[in-house]
Amino acid sequence: MPVVQGALLVTIGIVLISSALVNVLLVKLRRDRGLTFIVVSHDLAVISQMCDTVHVFRDGGIVEAGPTRRVLREPRHPYTIELIENHERFGIDRVREQRSRP
């Protein structure tokens, strides 16, 4: 069992590292070549790092849209507020904490 658990942890680590590298490469491509991406994700940390604009969907419709920093710092729709409050503590918390800074 420990071998399987160790293998699982290594695999998860590789996936996380690979995901982070892909995100860095996409951000670099966007910056260097002026590319546009459509990112569909539940990972608010990725959205906060990669997207200038965000659209929050619920039941197939947009409930809130705007500049990513504004939507994540000052959500206006109850569903957006719920998503942010229920999100695990990742990079999104840094964006929210900046709200309280001058």
N, C-alpha and C. Protein backbone atom coordinates (compact mmCIF):
# COMPACT_ATOMS: atom_id res chain seq x y z
N MET A 1 0.81 -1.21 0.00
CA MET A 1 0.00 0.00 0.00
C MET A 1 0.85 1.27 0.00
N PRO A 2 1.90 1.39 0.83
CA PRO A 2 2.72 2.61 0.80
C PRO A 2 3.31 2.89 -0.56
N VAL A 3 3.67 1.84 -1.31
CA VAL A 3 4.24 2.06 -2.64
C VAL A 3 3.20 2.70 -3.55
N VAL A 4 1.98 2.21 -3.48
CA VAL A 4 0.91 2.77 -4.30
C VAL A 4 0.65 4.22 -3.89
N GLN A 5 0.60 4.48 -2.59
CA GLN A 5 0.38 5.85 -2.15
C GLN A 5 1.52 6.75 -2.59
N GLY A 6 2.76 6.28 -2.48
CA GLY A 6 3.91 7.06 -2.93
C GLY A 6 3.85 7.33 -4.42
N ALA A 7 3.47 6.30 -5.18
CA ALA A 7 3.35 6.48 -6.63
C ALA A 7 2.26 7.49 -6.96
N LEU A 8 1.17 7.43 -6.21
CA LEU A 8 0.08 8.36 -6.43
C LEU A 8 0.53 9.79 -6.14
N LEU A 9 1.24 9.98 -5.05
CA LEU A 9 1.73 11.32 -4.71
C LEU A 9 2.70 11.84 -5.76
N VAL A 10 3.58 10.97 -6.25
CA VAL A 10 4.52 11.38 -7.30
C VAL A 10 3.75 11.76 -8.56
N THR A 11 2.76 10.96 -8.91
CA THR A 11 1.96 11.24 -10.11
C THR A 11 1.24 12.58 -9.97
N ILE A 12 0.63 12.82 -8.82
CA ILE A 12 -0.07 14.08 -8.60
C ILE A 12 0.93 15.24 -8.69
N GLY A 13 2.11 15.06 -8.10
CA GLY A 13 3.14 16.10 -8.17
C GLY A 13 3.54 16.40 -9.60
N ILE A 14 3.70 15.35 -10.41
CA ILE A 14 4.08 15.54 -11.82
C ILE A 14 2.97 16.27 -12.56
N VAL A 15 1.73 15.88 -12.31
CA VAL A 15 0.60 16.54 -12.97
C VAL A 15 0.56 18.01 -12.58
N LEU A 16 0.74 18.32 -11.30
CA LEU A 16 0.71 19.72 -10.86
C LEU A 16 1.85 20.52 -11.48
N ILE A 17 3.04 19.93 -11.52
CA ILE A 17 4.19 20.62 -12.13
C ILE A 17 3.95 20.80 -13.62
N SER A 18 3.45 19.77 -14.29
CA SER A 18 3.18 19.87 -15.72
C SER A 18 2.13 20.93 -15.99
N SER A 19 1.09 20.97 -15.18
CA SER A 19 0.04 21.98 -15.33
C SER A 19 0.60 23.38 -15.16
N ALA A 20 1.44 23.55 -14.15
CA ALA A 20 2.06 24.87 -13.92
C ALA A 20 2.93 25.27 -15.09
N LEU A 21 3.70 24.33 -15.65
CA LEU A 21 4.56 24.65 -16.80
C LEU A 21 3.73 25.02 -18.02
N VAL A 22 2.65 24.30 -18.25
CA VAL A 22 1.77 24.62 -19.38
C VAL A 22 1.20 26.02 -19.20
N ASN A 23 0.77 26.35 -18.00
CA ASN A 23 0.22 27.69 -17.73
C ASN A 23 1.26 28.77 -17.99
N VAL A 24 2.49 28.55 -17.54
CA VAL A 24 3.56 29.52 -17.77
C VAL A 24 3.81 29.68 -19.26
N LEU A 25 3.84 28.58 -20.00
CA LEU A 25 4.06 28.66 -21.44
C LEU A 25 2.92 29.39 -22.15
N LEU A 26 1.70 29.14 -21.73
CA LEU A 26 0.56 29.83 -22.35
C LEU A 26 0.61 31.33 -22.08
N VAL A 27 0.94 31.71 -20.86
CA VAL A 27 1.06 33.14 -20.52
C VAL A 27 2.15 33.78 -21.36
N LYS A 28 3.28 33.08 -21.53
CA LYS A 28 4.40 33.61 -22.33
C LYS A 28 3.98 33.75 -23.80
N LEU A 29 3.31 32.75 -24.34
CA LEU A 29 2.85 32.82 -25.73
C LEU A 29 1.88 33.99 -25.92
N ARG A 30 0.99 34.15 -24.98
CA ARG A 30 0.02 35.25 -25.07
C ARG A 30 0.72 36.59 -25.09
N ARG A 31 1.68 36.74 -24.19
CA ARG A 31 2.42 38.00 -24.09
C ARG A 31 3.30 38.24 -25.32
N ASP A 32 4.06 37.24 -25.72
CA ASP A 32 5.04 37.40 -26.80
C ASP A 32 4.42 37.47 -28.18
N ARG A 33 3.32 36.75 -28.39
CA ARG A 33 2.74 36.67 -29.74
C ARG A 33 1.37 37.32 -29.85
N GLY A 34 0.89 37.89 -28.76
CA GLY A 34 -0.41 38.56 -28.81
C GLY A 34 -1.57 37.62 -29.03
N LEU A 35 -1.44 36.38 -28.57
CA LEU A 35 -2.50 35.39 -28.77
C LEU A 35 -3.64 35.60 -27.78
N THR A 36 -4.79 35.09 -28.14
CA THR A 36 -5.95 35.11 -27.28
C THR A 36 -6.35 33.68 -26.98
N PHE A 37 -6.69 33.40 -25.73
CA PHE A 37 -7.12 32.06 -25.32
C PHE A 37 -8.49 32.15 -24.67
N ILE A 38 -9.24 31.09 -24.83
CA ILE A 38 -10.46 30.91 -24.07
C ILE A 38 -10.15 29.80 -23.08
N VAL A 39 -10.21 30.12 -21.80
CA VAL A 39 -9.89 29.17 -20.75
C VAL A 39 -11.18 28.79 -20.03
N VAL A 40 -11.48 27.50 -20.02
CA VAL A 40 -12.65 27.00 -19.31
C VAL A 40 -12.13 26.21 -18.13
N SER A 41 -12.40 26.69 -16.93
CA SER A 41 -11.82 26.06 -15.74
C SER A 41 -12.62 26.39 -14.50
N HIS A 42 -12.56 25.47 -13.53
CA HIS A 42 -13.09 25.74 -12.20
C HIS A 42 -11.98 26.21 -11.28
N ASP A 43 -10.76 26.22 -11.77
CA ASP A 43 -9.59 26.59 -10.96
C ASP A 43 -9.44 28.11 -10.97
N LEU A 44 -9.93 28.74 -9.93
CA LEU A 44 -9.92 30.20 -9.87
C LEU A 44 -8.50 30.77 -9.81
N ALA A 45 -7.56 29.99 -9.30
CA ALA A 45 -6.16 30.44 -9.28
C ALA A 45 -5.63 30.57 -10.70
N VAL A 46 -5.93 29.59 -11.54
CA VAL A 46 -5.51 29.64 -12.94
C VAL A 46 -6.18 30.81 -13.64
N ILE A 47 -7.47 30.97 -13.41
CA ILE A 47 -8.20 32.08 -14.03
C ILE A 47 -7.59 33.41 -13.60
N SER A 48 -7.27 33.54 -12.31
CA SER A 48 -6.73 34.82 -11.82
C SER A 48 -5.37 35.13 -12.43
N GLN A 49 -4.61 34.10 -12.79
CA GLN A 49 -3.27 34.31 -13.34
C GLN A 49 -3.26 34.46 -14.85
N MET A 50 -4.23 33.85 -15.54
CA MET A 50 -4.15 33.78 -17.00
C MET A 50 -5.13 34.68 -17.74
N CYS A 51 -6.17 35.14 -17.08
CA CYS A 51 -7.26 35.79 -17.82
C CYS A 51 -7.42 37.25 -17.44
N ASP A 52 -7.60 38.08 -18.46
CA ASP A 52 -7.89 39.50 -18.24
C ASP A 52 -9.37 39.71 -17.95
N THR A 53 -10.20 38.88 -18.57
CA THR A 53 -11.65 38.99 -18.45
C THR A 53 -12.20 37.62 -18.03
N VAL A 54 -13.24 37.63 -17.21
CA VAL A 54 -13.85 36.37 -16.78
C VAL A 54 -15.36 36.46 -16.96
N HIS A 55 -15.94 35.33 -17.33
CA HIS A 55 -17.39 35.18 -17.41
C HIS A 55 -17.76 34.03 -16.49
N VAL A 56 -18.65 34.27 -15.56
CA VAL A 56 -19.09 33.24 -14.63
C VAL A 56 -20.42 32.69 -15.14
N PHE A 57 -20.44 31.38 -15.37
CA PHE A 57 -21.64 30.72 -15.89
C PHE A 57 -22.34 29.94 -14.79
N ARG A 58 -23.66 29.93 -14.89
CA ARG A 58 -24.48 29.07 -14.03
C ARG A 58 -25.68 28.62 -14.84
N ASP A 59 -25.92 27.34 -14.84
CA ASP A 59 -27.06 26.77 -15.58
C ASP A 59 -27.08 27.21 -17.04
N GLY A 60 -25.90 27.27 -17.65
CA GLY A 60 -25.80 27.58 -19.07
C GLY A 60 -25.86 29.05 -19.44
N GLY A 61 -25.93 29.93 -18.46
CA GLY A 61 -25.98 31.36 -18.75
C GLY A 61 -24.94 32.13 -17.96
N ILE A 62 -24.59 33.29 -18.47
CA ILE A 62 -23.61 34.14 -17.79
C ILE A 62 -24.32 34.90 -16.67
N VAL A 63 -23.80 34.77 -15.44
CA VAL A 63 -24.38 35.50 -14.32
C VAL A 63 -23.55 36.71 -13.93
N GLU A 64 -22.28 36.70 -14.34
CA GLU A 64 -21.42 37.86 -14.06
C GLU A 64 -20.25 37.84 -15.04
N ALA A 65 -19.83 39.02 -15.46
CA ALA A 65 -18.70 39.13 -16.37
C ALA A 65 -18.00 40.45 -16.10
N GLY A 66 -16.71 40.47 -16.39
CA GLY A 66 -15.96 41.69 -16.23
C GLY A 66 -14.48 41.42 -16.13
N PRO A 67 -13.71 42.46 -15.85
CA PRO A 67 -12.27 42.27 -15.64
C PRO A 67 -12.05 41.28 -14.50
N THR A 68 -11.15 40.34 -14.71
CA THR A 68 -10.93 39.26 -13.75
C THR A 68 -10.66 39.79 -12.35
N ARG A 69 -9.77 40.76 -12.23
CA ARG A 69 -9.43 41.27 -10.90
C ARG A 69 -10.64 41.84 -10.19
N ARG A 70 -11.48 42.58 -10.90
CA ARG A 70 -12.67 43.16 -10.30
C ARG A 70 -13.65 42.08 -9.87
N VAL A 71 -13.90 41.11 -10.76
CA VAL A 71 -14.87 40.07 -10.44
C VAL A 71 -14.40 39.24 -9.25
N LEU A 72 -13.11 38.94 -9.17
CA LEU A 72 -12.62 38.12 -8.06
C LEU A 72 -12.47 38.91 -6.77
N ARG A 73 -12.19 40.20 -6.87
CA ARG A 73 -12.06 41.03 -5.66
C ARG A 73 -13.39 41.53 -5.15
N GLU A 74 -14.27 41.89 -6.07
CA GLU A 74 -15.55 42.50 -5.71
C GLU A 74 -16.70 41.84 -6.47
N PRO A 75 -16.93 40.56 -6.21
CA PRO A 75 -18.01 39.88 -6.93
C PRO A 75 -19.36 40.50 -6.60
N ARG A 76 -20.22 40.57 -7.60
CA ARG A 76 -21.53 41.21 -7.41
C ARG A 76 -22.68 40.21 -7.39
N HIS A 77 -22.51 39.10 -8.08
CA HIS A 77 -23.60 38.12 -8.15
C HIS A 77 -23.44 37.09 -7.02
N PRO A 78 -24.55 36.70 -6.39
CA PRO A 78 -24.48 35.74 -5.29
C PRO A 78 -23.76 34.43 -5.65
N TYR A 79 -23.94 33.96 -6.90
CA TYR A 79 -23.28 32.72 -7.29
C TYR A 79 -21.77 32.90 -7.37
N THR A 80 -21.31 34.03 -7.89
CA THR A 80 -19.88 34.31 -7.94
C THR A 80 -19.30 34.38 -6.54
N ILE A 81 -20.01 35.04 -5.64
CA ILE A 81 -19.58 35.14 -4.24
C ILE A 81 -19.47 33.73 -3.64
N GLU A 82 -20.46 32.90 -3.92
CA GLU A 82 -20.45 31.52 -3.40
C GLU A 82 -19.27 30.73 -3.95
N LEU A 83 -19.00 30.85 -5.25
CA LEU A 83 -17.86 30.15 -5.85
C LEU A 83 -16.56 30.53 -5.17
N ILE A 84 -16.37 31.82 -4.97
CA ILE A 84 -15.13 32.30 -4.37
C ILE A 84 -15.02 31.86 -2.91
N GLU A 85 -16.10 31.97 -2.17
CA GLU A 85 -16.07 31.59 -0.76
C GLU A 85 -15.85 30.11 -0.56
N ASN A 86 -16.33 29.29 -1.50
CA ASN A 86 -16.20 27.84 -1.37
C ASN A 86 -14.95 27.29 -2.04
N HIS A 87 -14.22 28.12 -2.71
CA HIS A 87 -13.01 27.66 -3.39
C HIS A 87 -11.93 27.35 -2.36
N GLU A 88 -11.22 26.27 -2.60
CA GLU A 88 -10.11 25.94 -1.69
C GLU A 88 -9.07 27.03 -1.74
N ARG A 89 -8.26 27.13 -0.71
CA ARG A 89 -7.26 28.19 -0.60
C ARG A 89 -6.10 27.94 -1.57
N PHE A 90 -6.18 28.60 -2.73
CA PHE A 90 -5.11 28.57 -3.72
C PHE A 90 -4.69 30.00 -3.97
N GLY A 91 -4.24 30.29 -5.16
CA GLY A 91 -3.82 31.62 -5.54
C GLY A 91 -4.92 32.67 -5.47
N ILE A 92 -6.16 32.23 -5.51
CA ILE A 92 -7.28 33.17 -5.46
C ILE A 92 -7.26 33.99 -4.18
N ASP A 93 -6.76 33.43 -3.10
CA ASP A 93 -6.73 34.15 -1.83
C ASP A 93 -5.80 35.35 -1.89
N ARG A 94 -4.72 35.25 -2.65
CA ARG A 94 -3.84 36.41 -2.80
C ARG A 94 -4.57 37.55 -3.48
N VAL A 95 -5.38 37.22 -4.49
CA VAL A 95 -6.13 38.26 -5.20
C VAL A 95 -7.15 38.89 -4.26
N ARG A 96 -7.83 38.08 -3.47
CA ARG A 96 -8.85 38.61 -2.56
C ARG A 96 -8.22 39.45 -1.46
N GLU A 97 -7.02 39.04 -0.96
CA GLU A 97 -6.37 39.78 0.10
C GLU A 97 -5.90 41.15 -0.37
N GLN A 98 -5.59 41.27 -1.65
CA GLN A 98 -5.17 42.56 -2.19
C GLN A 98 -6.28 43.59 -2.12
N ARG A 99 -7.51 43.12 -2.04
CA ARG A 99 -8.67 44.00 -1.96
C ARG A 99 -8.57 44.89 -0.74
N SER A 100 -8.01 44.36 0.34
CA SER A 100 -7.95 45.12 1.59
C SER A 100 -6.75 46.06 1.65
N ARG A 101 -5.83 45.94 0.71
CA ARG A 101 -4.67 46.83 0.70
C ARG A 101 -4.99 48.12 -0.02
N PRO A 102 -4.36 49.23 0.40
CA PRO A 102 -4.62 50.51 -0.26
C PRO A 102 -4.10 50.55 -1.68
